[in-house]
Amino acid sequence: MNKGELVAAVADKVGLSRGQAGEAIDAAIEAITTALKKGDEVKIVGFGTFVVTDRAAGEARNPRTGEKVKVPASKTPKFRAGAGLKEAVNGK
């Protein structure tokens, strides 16, 4: 499912126009992104938690040349599925 399909599904489910559903989804994504930029966790009960984790600096190899490359430390967003989502996916 891509974003357009998600917008259509939400619009049909709650009786909004596709434009309104798209704006709502964009606003939700923006709110989650803003919270993660500040270092906050975003918990949606029954669905899951969005968090930012620190990735340590390290070394990697260029697969073409075999040359070692330094990879700087960075932050990366992650999603941990909640119990409700796991149960729904597993058909429980």
PDB file of N, CA and C in Angstrom:
ATOM      1  N   MET A   1       0.852  -1.175   0.000  1.00  0.00           N
ATOM      2  CA  MET A   1       0.000   0.000   0.000  1.00  0.00           C
ATOM      3  C   MET A   1       0.898   1.238   0.000  1.00  0.00           C
ATOM      4  N   ASN A   2       0.649   2.144  -0.925  1.00  0.00           N
ATOM      5  CA  ASN A   2       1.398   3.392  -0.949  1.00  0.00           C
ATOM      6  C   ASN A   2       0.554   4.507  -0.324  1.00  0.00           C
ATOM      7  N   LYS A   3       1.088   5.723  -0.307  1.00  0.00           N
ATOM      8  CA  LYS A   3       0.394   6.822   0.365  1.00  0.00           C
ATOM      9  C   LYS A   3      -0.953   7.119  -0.291  1.00  0.00           C
ATOM     10  N   GLY A   4      -1.018   7.094  -1.601  1.00  0.00           N
ATOM     11  CA  GLY A   4      -2.278   7.352  -2.294  1.00  0.00           C
ATOM     12  C   GLY A   4      -3.346   6.336  -1.937  1.00  0.00           C
ATOM     13  N   GLU A   5      -2.956   5.078  -1.849  1.00  0.00           N
ATOM     14  CA  GLU A   5      -3.899   4.025  -1.467  1.00  0.00           C
ATOM     15  C   GLU A   5      -4.339   4.189  -0.012  1.00  0.00           C
ATOM     16  N   LEU A   6      -3.408   4.612   0.843  1.00  0.00           N
ATOM     17  CA  LEU A   6      -3.752   4.866   2.245  1.00  0.00           C
ATOM     18  C   LEU A   6      -4.751   6.017   2.349  1.00  0.00           C
ATOM     19  N   VAL A   7      -4.513   7.082   1.600  1.00  0.00           N
ATOM     20  CA  VAL A   7      -5.434   8.226   1.601  1.00  0.00           C
ATOM     21  C   VAL A   7      -6.824   7.775   1.168  1.00  0.00           C
ATOM     22  N   ALA A   8      -6.905   6.987   0.104  1.00  0.00           N
ATOM     23  CA  ALA A   8      -8.198   6.504  -0.390  1.00  0.00           C
ATOM     24  C   ALA A   8      -8.895   5.632   0.653  1.00  0.00           C
ATOM     25  N   ALA A   9      -8.146   4.752   1.319  1.00  0.00           N
ATOM     26  CA  ALA A   9      -8.729   3.866   2.325  1.00  0.00           C
ATOM     27  C   ALA A   9      -9.267   4.664   3.512  1.00  0.00           C
ATOM     28  N   VAL A  10      -8.504   5.650   3.968  1.00  0.00           N
ATOM     29  CA  VAL A  10      -8.949   6.481   5.092  1.00  0.00           C
ATOM     30  C   VAL A  10     -10.172   7.297   4.685  1.00  0.00           C
ATOM     31  N   ALA A  11     -10.145   7.863   3.495  1.00  0.00           N
ATOM     32  CA  ALA A  11     -11.281   8.662   3.018  1.00  0.00           C
ATOM     33  C   ALA A  11     -12.556   7.829   2.981  1.00  0.00           C
ATOM     34  N   ASP A  12     -12.459   6.613   2.463  1.00  0.00           N
ATOM     35  CA  ASP A  12     -13.625   5.730   2.395  1.00  0.00           C
ATOM     36  C   ASP A  12     -14.101   5.311   3.785  1.00  0.00           C
ATOM     37  N   LYS A  13     -13.159   5.045   4.680  1.00  0.00           N
ATOM     38  CA  LYS A  13     -13.494   4.548   6.019  1.00  0.00           C
ATOM     39  C   LYS A  13     -14.227   5.591   6.863  1.00  0.00           C
ATOM     40  N   VAL A  14     -13.784   6.853   6.788  1.00  0.00           N
ATOM     41  CA  VAL A  14     -14.357   7.871   7.672  1.00  0.00           C
ATOM     42  C   VAL A  14     -15.244   8.882   6.946  1.00  0.00           C
ATOM     43  N   GLY A  15     -15.440   8.702   5.666  1.00  0.00           N
ATOM     44  CA  GLY A  15     -16.352   9.569   4.931  1.00  0.00           C
ATOM     45  C   GLY A  15     -15.819  10.959   4.645  1.00  0.00           C
ATOM     46  N   LEU A  16     -14.517  11.080   4.461  1.00  0.00           N
ATOM     47  CA  LEU A  16     -13.909  12.357   4.093  1.00  0.00           C
ATOM     48  C   LEU A  16     -13.614  12.365   2.600  1.00  0.00           C
ATOM     49  N   SER A  17     -13.361  13.551   2.074  1.00  0.00           N
ATOM     50  CA  SER A  17     -12.876  13.613   0.696  1.00  0.00           C
ATOM     51  C   SER A  17     -11.420  13.143   0.701  1.00  0.00           C
ATOM     52  N   ARG A  18     -10.922  12.787  -0.463  1.00  0.00           N
ATOM     53  CA  ARG A  18      -9.520  12.349  -0.523  1.00  0.00           C
ATOM     54  C   ARG A  18      -8.583  13.489  -0.142  1.00  0.00           C
ATOM     55  N   GLY A  19      -8.948  14.708  -0.496  1.00  0.00           N
ATOM     56  CA  GLY A  19      -8.127  15.862  -0.123  1.00  0.00           C
ATOM     57  C   GLY A  19      -8.048  16.041   1.379  1.00  0.00           C
ATOM     58  N   GLN A  20      -9.196  15.915   2.052  1.00  0.00           N
ATOM     59  CA  GLN A  20      -9.223  16.051   3.512  1.00  0.00           C
ATOM     60  C   GLN A  20      -8.451  14.918   4.181  1.00  0.00           C
ATOM     61  N   ALA A  21      -8.626  13.709   3.679  1.00  0.00           N
ATOM     62  CA  ALA A  21      -7.905  12.562   4.245  1.00  0.00           C
ATOM     63  C   ALA A  21      -6.405  12.734   4.038  1.00  0.00           C
ATOM     64  N   GLY A  22      -6.010  13.217   2.871  1.00  0.00           N
ATOM     65  CA  GLY A  22      -4.594  13.459   2.591  1.00  0.00           C
ATOM     66  C   GLY A  22      -4.005  14.494   3.531  1.00  0.00           C
ATOM     67  N   GLU A  23      -4.759  15.565   3.788  1.00  0.00           N
ATOM     68  CA  GLU A  23      -4.295  16.596   4.718  1.00  0.00           C
ATOM     69  C   GLU A  23      -4.157  16.039   6.129  1.00  0.00           C
ATOM     70  N   ALA A  24      -5.092  15.195   6.541  1.00  0.00           N
ATOM     71  CA  ALA A  24      -5.033  14.596   7.879  1.00  0.00           C
ATOM     72  C   ALA A  24      -3.814  13.684   8.014  1.00  0.00           C
ATOM     73  N   ILE A  25      -3.565  12.884   6.996  1.00  0.00           N
ATOM     74  CA  ILE A  25      -2.403  11.987   7.031  1.00  0.00           C
ATOM     75  C   ILE A  25      -1.111  12.797   7.023  1.00  0.00           C
ATOM     76  N   ASP A  26      -1.043  13.837   6.182  1.00  0.00           N
ATOM     77  CA  ASP A  26       0.144  14.694   6.152  1.00  0.00           C
ATOM     78  C   ASP A  26       0.383  15.349   7.509  1.00  0.00           C
ATOM     79  N   ALA A  27      -0.691  15.805   8.164  1.00  0.00           N
ATOM     80  CA  ALA A  27      -0.566  16.437   9.480  1.00  0.00           C
ATOM     81  C   ALA A  27      -0.065  15.439  10.519  1.00  0.00           C
ATOM     82  N   ALA A  28      -0.559  14.199  10.461  1.00  0.00           N
ATOM     83  CA  ALA A  28      -0.111  13.169  11.407  1.00  0.00           C
ATOM     84  C   ALA A  28       1.370  12.858  11.199  1.00  0.00           C
ATOM     85  N   ILE A  29       1.777  12.722   9.946  1.00  0.00           N
ATOM     86  CA  ILE A  29       3.184  12.438   9.651  1.00  0.00           C
ATOM     87  C   ILE A  29       4.065  13.594  10.110  1.00  0.00           C
ATOM     88  N   GLU A  30       3.617  14.817   9.872  1.00  0.00           N
ATOM     89  CA  GLU A  30       4.382  15.993  10.293  1.00  0.00           C
ATOM     90  C   GLU A  30       4.509  16.056  11.812  1.00  0.00           C
ATOM     91  N   ALA A  31       3.438  15.749  12.527  1.00  0.00           N
ATOM     92  CA  ALA A  31       3.475  15.770  13.992  1.00  0.00           C
ATOM     93  C   ALA A  31       4.431  14.706  14.532  1.00  0.00           C
ATOM     94  N   ILE A  32       4.408  13.519  13.944  1.00  0.00           N
ATOM     95  CA  ILE A  32       5.320  12.446  14.364  1.00  0.00           C
ATOM     96  C   ILE A  32       6.762  12.850  14.087  1.00  0.00           C
ATOM     97  N   THR A  33       7.017  13.392  12.898  1.00  0.00           N
ATOM     98  CA  THR A  33       8.368  13.813  12.523  1.00  0.00           C
ATOM     99  C   THR A  33       8.889  14.900  13.454  1.00  0.00           C
ATOM    100  N   THR A  34       8.054  15.886  13.770  1.00  0.00           N
ATOM    101  CA  THR A  34       8.448  16.977  14.661  1.00  0.00           C
ATOM    102  C   THR A  34       8.798  16.444  16.051  1.00  0.00           C
ATOM    103  N   ALA A  35       7.993  15.543  16.562  1.00  0.00           N
ATOM    104  CA  ALA A  35       8.263  14.962  17.884  1.00  0.00           C
ATOM    105  C   ALA A  35       9.575  14.180  17.878  1.00  0.00           C
ATOM    106  N   LEU A  36       9.815  13.404  16.826  1.00  0.00           N
ATOM    107  CA  LEU A  36      11.049  12.625  16.748  1.00  0.00           C
ATOM    108  C   LEU A  36      12.270  13.535  16.632  1.00  0.00           C
ATOM    109  N   LYS A  37      12.150  14.642  15.897  1.00  0.00           N
ATOM    110  CA  LYS A  37      13.261  15.596  15.784  1.00  0.00           C
ATOM    111  C   LYS A  37      13.639  16.159  17.144  1.00  0.00           C
ATOM    112  N   LYS A  38      12.641  16.338  18.028  1.00  0.00           N
ATOM    113  CA  LYS A  38      12.892  16.855  19.374  1.00  0.00           C
ATOM    114  C   LYS A  38      13.417  15.770  20.309  1.00  0.00           C
ATOM    115  N   GLY A  39      13.443  14.524  19.854  1.00  0.00           N
ATOM    116  CA  GLY A  39      13.916  13.430  20.689  1.00  0.00           C
ATOM    117  C   GLY A  39      12.825  12.737  21.476  1.00  0.00           C
ATOM    118  N   ASP A  40      11.571  13.085  21.205  1.00  0.00           N
ATOM    119  CA  ASP A  40      10.450  12.467  21.912  1.00  0.00           C
ATOM    120  C   ASP A  40      10.069  11.134  21.277  1.00  0.00           C
ATOM    121  N   GLU A  41       9.467  10.263  22.083  1.00  0.00           N
ATOM    122  CA  GLU A  41       8.854   9.040  21.561  1.00  0.00           C
ATOM    123  C   GLU A  41       7.414   9.358  21.205  1.00  0.00           C
ATOM    124  N   VAL A  42       6.883   8.680  20.202  1.00  0.00           N
ATOM    125  CA  VAL A  42       5.476   8.826  19.842  1.00  0.00           C
ATOM    126  C   VAL A  42       4.829   7.465  20.043  1.00  0.00           C
ATOM    127  N   LYS A  43       3.951   7.371  21.060  1.00  0.00           N
ATOM    128  CA  LYS A  43       3.299   6.107  21.397  1.00  0.00           C
ATOM    129  C   LYS A  43       1.849   6.154  20.952  1.00  0.00           C
ATOM    130  N   ILE A  44       1.448   5.195  20.153  1.00  0.00           N
ATOM    131  CA  ILE A  44       0.060   5.062  19.733  1.00  0.00           C
ATOM    132  C   ILE A  44      -0.416   3.723  20.280  1.00  0.00           C
ATOM    133  N   VAL A  45      -1.214   3.782  21.337  1.00  0.00           N
ATOM    134  CA  VAL A  45      -1.643   2.578  22.042  1.00  0.00           C
ATOM    135  C   VAL A  45      -2.335   1.619  21.073  1.00  0.00           C
ATOM    136  N   GLY A  46      -1.940   0.359  21.116  1.00  0.00           N
ATOM    137  CA  GLY A  46      -2.516  -0.664  20.263  1.00  0.00           C
ATOM    138  C   GLY A  46      -1.884  -0.739  18.888  1.00  0.00           C
ATOM    139  N   PHE A  47      -1.054   0.246  18.548  1.00  0.00           N
ATOM    140  CA  PHE A  47      -0.411   0.261  17.229  1.00  0.00           C
ATOM    141  C   PHE A  47       1.094   0.104  17.355  1.00  0.00           C
ATOM    142  N   GLY A  48       1.740   1.025  18.070  1.00  0.00           N
ATOM    143  CA  GLY A  48       3.179   0.911  18.238  1.00  0.00           C
ATOM    144  C   GLY A  48       3.807   2.210  18.694  1.00  0.00           C
ATOM    145  N   THR A  49       5.143   2.221  18.722  1.00  0.00           N
ATOM    146  CA  THR A  49       5.909   3.356  19.204  1.00  0.00           C
ATOM    147  C   THR A  49       6.983   3.724  18.194  1.00  0.00           C
ATOM    148  N   PHE A  50       7.048   5.017  17.883  1.00  0.00           N
ATOM    149  CA  PHE A  50       8.115   5.551  17.043  1.00  0.00           C
ATOM    150  C   PHE A  50       9.181   6.120  17.970  1.00  0.00           C
ATOM    151  N   VAL A  51      10.453   5.768  17.749  1.00  0.00           N
ATOM    152  CA  VAL A  51      11.559   6.252  18.576  1.00  0.00           C
ATOM    153  C   VAL A  51      12.735   6.614  17.680  1.00  0.00           C
ATOM    154  N   VAL A  52      13.652   7.402  18.242  1.00  0.00           N
ATOM    155  CA  VAL A  52      14.904   7.708  17.558  1.00  0.00           C
ATOM    156  C   VAL A  52      16.013   7.016  18.334  1.00  0.00           C
ATOM    157  N   THR A  53      16.858   6.276  17.629  1.00  0.00           N
ATOM    158  CA  THR A  53      17.980   5.604  18.276  1.00  0.00           C
ATOM    159  C   THR A  53      19.287   6.155  17.722  1.00  0.00           C
ATOM    160  N   ASP A  54      20.332   6.067  18.532  1.00  0.00           N
ATOM    161  CA  ASP A  54      21.659   6.501  18.105  1.00  0.00           C
ATOM    162  C   ASP A  54      22.385   5.337  17.464  1.00  0.00           C
ATOM    163  N   ARG A  55      22.965   5.601  16.321  1.00  0.00           N
ATOM    164  CA  ARG A  55      23.772   4.599  15.633  1.00  0.00           C
ATOM    165  C   ARG A  55      25.231   5.012  15.811  1.00  0.00           C
ATOM    166  N   ALA A  56      26.046   4.137  16.362  1.00  0.00           N
ATOM    167  CA  ALA A  56      27.444   4.443  16.633  1.00  0.00           C
ATOM    168  C   ALA A  56      28.246   4.563  15.339  1.00  0.00           C
ATOM    169  N   ALA A  57      29.322   5.318  15.415  1.00  0.00           N
ATOM    170  CA  ALA A  57      30.239   5.413  14.281  1.00  0.00           C
ATOM    171  C   ALA A  57      30.930   4.066  14.104  1.00  0.00           C
ATOM    172  N   GLY A  58      31.377   3.801  12.920  1.00  0.00           N
ATOM    173  CA  GLY A  58      32.048   2.530  12.676  1.00  0.00           C
ATOM    174  C   GLY A  58      32.706   2.506  11.318  1.00  0.00           C
ATOM    175  N   GLU A  59      33.117   1.334  10.921  1.00  0.00           N
ATOM    176  CA  GLU A  59      33.741   1.155   9.616  1.00  0.00           C
ATOM    177  C   GLU A  59      32.899   0.226   8.778  1.00  0.00           C
ATOM    178  N   ALA A  60      32.904   0.485   7.480  1.00  0.00           N
ATOM    179  CA  ALA A  60      32.217  -0.379   6.526  1.00  0.00           C
ATOM    180  C   ALA A  60      33.164  -0.599   5.362  1.00  0.00           C
ATOM    181  N   ARG A  61      32.770  -1.468   4.460  1.00  0.00           N
ATOM    182  CA  ARG A  61      33.586  -1.721   3.272  1.00  0.00           C
ATOM    183  C   ARG A  61      32.797  -1.397   2.025  1.00  0.00           C
ATOM    184  N   ASN A  62      33.483  -0.779   1.089  1.00  0.00           N
ATOM    185  CA  ASN A  62      32.902  -0.565  -0.226  1.00  0.00           C
ATOM    186  C   ASN A  62      32.887  -1.923  -0.916  1.00  0.00           C
ATOM    187  N   PRO A  63      31.716  -2.446  -1.284  1.00  0.00           N
ATOM    188  CA  PRO A  63      31.663  -3.789  -1.861  1.00  0.00           C
ATOM    189  C   PRO A  63      32.366  -3.915  -3.214  1.00  0.00           C
ATOM    190  N   ARG A  64      32.498  -2.824  -3.939  1.00  0.00           N
ATOM    191  CA  ARG A  64      33.170  -2.886  -5.247  1.00  0.00           C
ATOM    192  C   ARG A  64      34.680  -2.923  -5.124  1.00  0.00           C
ATOM    193  N   THR A  65      35.222  -2.081  -4.208  1.00  0.00           N
ATOM    194  CA  THR A  65      36.674  -1.955  -4.124  1.00  0.00           C
ATOM    195  C   THR A  65      37.269  -2.654  -2.912  1.00  0.00           C
ATOM    196  N   GLY A  66      36.450  -2.960  -1.920  1.00  0.00           N
ATOM    197  CA  GLY A  66      36.955  -3.558  -0.695  1.00  0.00           C
ATOM    198  C   GLY A  66      37.578  -2.532   0.238  1.00  0.00           C
ATOM    199  N   GLU A  67      37.572  -1.271  -0.174  1.00  0.00           N
ATOM    200  CA  GLU A  67      38.166  -0.201   0.610  1.00  0.00           C
ATOM    201  C   GLU A  67      37.355   0.043   1.883  1.00  0.00           C
ATOM    202  N   LYS A  68      38.060   0.264   3.001  1.00  0.00           N
ATOM    203  CA  LYS A  68      37.392   0.578   4.258  1.00  0.00           C
ATOM    204  C   LYS A  68      36.940   2.033   4.228  1.00  0.00           C
ATOM    205  N   VAL A  69      35.727   2.250   4.740  1.00  0.00           N
ATOM    206  CA  VAL A  69      35.146   3.588   4.762  1.00  0.00           C
ATOM    207  C   VAL A  69      34.648   3.861   6.176  1.00  0.00           C
ATOM    208  N   LYS A  70      34.924   5.060   6.687  1.00  0.00           N
ATOM    209  CA  LYS A  70      34.421   5.432   8.007  1.00  0.00           C
ATOM    210  C   LYS A  70      32.983   5.908   7.865  1.00  0.00           C
ATOM    211  N   VAL A  71      32.126   5.390   8.749  1.00  0.00           N
ATOM    212  CA  VAL A  71      30.718   5.777   8.768  1.00  0.00           C
ATOM    213  C   VAL A  71      30.496   6.586  10.043  1.00  0.00           C
ATOM    214  N   PRO A  72      30.056   7.849   9.917  1.00  0.00           N
ATOM    215  CA  PRO A  72      29.876   8.678  11.113  1.00  0.00           C
ATOM    216  C   PRO A  72      28.673   8.234  11.946  1.00  0.00           C
ATOM    217  N   ALA A  73      28.682   8.618  13.207  1.00  0.00           N
ATOM    218  CA  ALA A  73      27.535   8.346  14.086  1.00  0.00           C
ATOM    219  C   ALA A  73      26.326   9.104  13.554  1.00  0.00           C
ATOM    220  N   SER A  74      25.153   8.541  13.761  1.00  0.00           N
ATOM    221  CA  SER A  74      23.931   9.196  13.284  1.00  0.00           C
ATOM    222  C   SER A  74      22.750   8.757  14.138  1.00  0.00           C
ATOM    223  N   LYS A  75      21.639   9.417  13.922  1.00  0.00           N
ATOM    224  CA  LYS A  75      20.387   9.044  14.579  1.00  0.00           C
ATOM    225  C   LYS A  75      19.491   8.433  13.517  1.00  0.00           C
ATOM    226  N   THR A  76      18.702   7.448  13.912  1.00  0.00           N
ATOM    227  CA  THR A  76      17.806   6.811  12.956  1.00  0.00           C
ATOM    228  C   THR A  76      16.445   6.563  13.603  1.00  0.00           C
ATOM    229  N   PRO A  77      15.370   6.825  12.868  1.00  0.00           N
ATOM    230  CA  PRO A  77      14.044   6.546  13.415  1.00  0.00           C
ATOM    231  C   PRO A  77      13.734   5.056  13.345  1.00  0.00           C
ATOM    232  N   LYS A  78      13.039   4.569  14.347  1.00  0.00           N
ATOM    233  CA  LYS A  78      12.634   3.160  14.369  1.00  0.00           C
ATOM    234  C   LYS A  78      11.185   3.065  14.811  1.00  0.00           C
ATOM    235  N   PHE A  79      10.552   1.960  14.452  1.00  0.00           N
ATOM    236  CA  PHE A  79       9.172   1.701  14.854  1.00  0.00           C
ATOM    237  C   PHE A  79       9.122   0.364  15.552  1.00  0.00           C
ATOM    238  N   ARG A  80       8.529   0.354  16.748  1.00  0.00           N
ATOM    239  CA  ARG A  80       8.316  -0.899  17.483  1.00  0.00           C
ATOM    240  C   ARG A  80       6.823  -1.183  17.470  1.00  0.00           C
ATOM    241  N   ALA A  81       6.437  -2.292  16.883  1.00  0.00           N
ATOM    242  CA  ALA A  81       5.017  -2.650  16.796  1.00  0.00           C
ATOM    243  C   ALA A  81       4.461  -2.966  18.177  1.00  0.00           C
ATOM    244  N   GLY A  82       3.238  -2.515  18.420  1.00  0.00           N
ATOM    245  CA  GLY A  82       2.558  -2.774  19.680  1.00  0.00           C
ATOM    246  C   GLY A  82       1.850  -4.118  19.659  1.00  0.00           C
ATOM    247  N   ALA A  83       1.377  -4.533  20.810  1.00  0.00           N
ATOM    248  CA  ALA A  83       0.726  -5.839  20.943  1.00  0.00           C
ATOM    249  C   ALA A  83      -0.506  -5.952  20.051  1.00  0.00           C
ATOM    250  N   GLY A  84      -1.303  -4.893  19.975  1.00  0.00           N
ATOM    251  CA  GLY A  84      -2.516  -4.934  19.157  1.00  0.00           C
ATOM    252  C   GLY A  84      -2.214  -5.147  17.686  1.00  0.00           C
ATOM    253  N   LEU A  85      -1.193  -4.474  17.174  1.00  0.00           N
ATOM    254  CA  LEU A  85      -0.799  -4.635  15.771  1.00  0.00           C
ATOM    255  C   LEU A  85      -0.243  -6.033  15.526  1.00  0.00           C
ATOM    256  N   LYS A  86       0.572  -6.521  16.441  1.00  0.00           N
ATOM    257  CA  LYS A  86       1.132  -7.869  16.293  1.00  0.00           C
ATOM    258  C   LYS A  86       0.030  -8.918  16.271  1.00  0.00           C
ATOM    259  N   GLU A  87      -0.950  -8.765  17.155  1.00  0.00           N
ATOM    260  CA  GLU A  87      -2.061  -9.721  17.193  1.00  0.00           C
ATOM    261  C   GLU A  87      -2.881  -9.658  15.910  1.00  0.00           C
ATOM    262  N   ALA A  88      -3.132  -8.456  15.401  1.00  0.00           N
ATOM    263  CA  ALA A  88      -3.911  -8.309  14.166  1.00  0.00           C
ATOM    264  C   ALA A  88      -3.196  -8.956  12.986  1.00  0.00           C
ATOM    265  N   VAL A  89      -1.889  -8.776  12.905  1.00  0.00           N
ATOM    266  CA  VAL A  89      -1.110  -9.353  11.806  1.00  0.00           C
ATOM    267  C   VAL A  89      -1.087 -10.873  11.898  1.00  0.00           C
ATOM    268  N   ASN A  90      -1.055 -11.388  13.118  1.00  0.00           N
ATOM    269  CA  ASN A  90      -1.004 -12.836  13.317  1.00  0.00           C
ATOM    270  C   ASN A  90      -2.383 -13.481  13.374  1.00  0.00           C
ATOM    271  N   GLY A  91      -3.439 -12.705  13.155  1.00  0.00           N
ATOM    272  CA  GLY A  91      -4.792 -13.249  13.102  1.00  0.00           C
ATOM    273  C   GLY A  91      -5.360 -13.678  14.431  1.00  0.00           C
ATOM    274  N   LYS A  92      -4.933 -13.070  15.507  1.00  0.00           N
ATOM    275  CA  LYS A  92      -5.429 -13.456  16.837  1.00  0.00           C
ATOM    276  C   LYS A  92      -6.517 -12.528  17.287  1.00  0.00           C
TER     277      LYS A  92
END
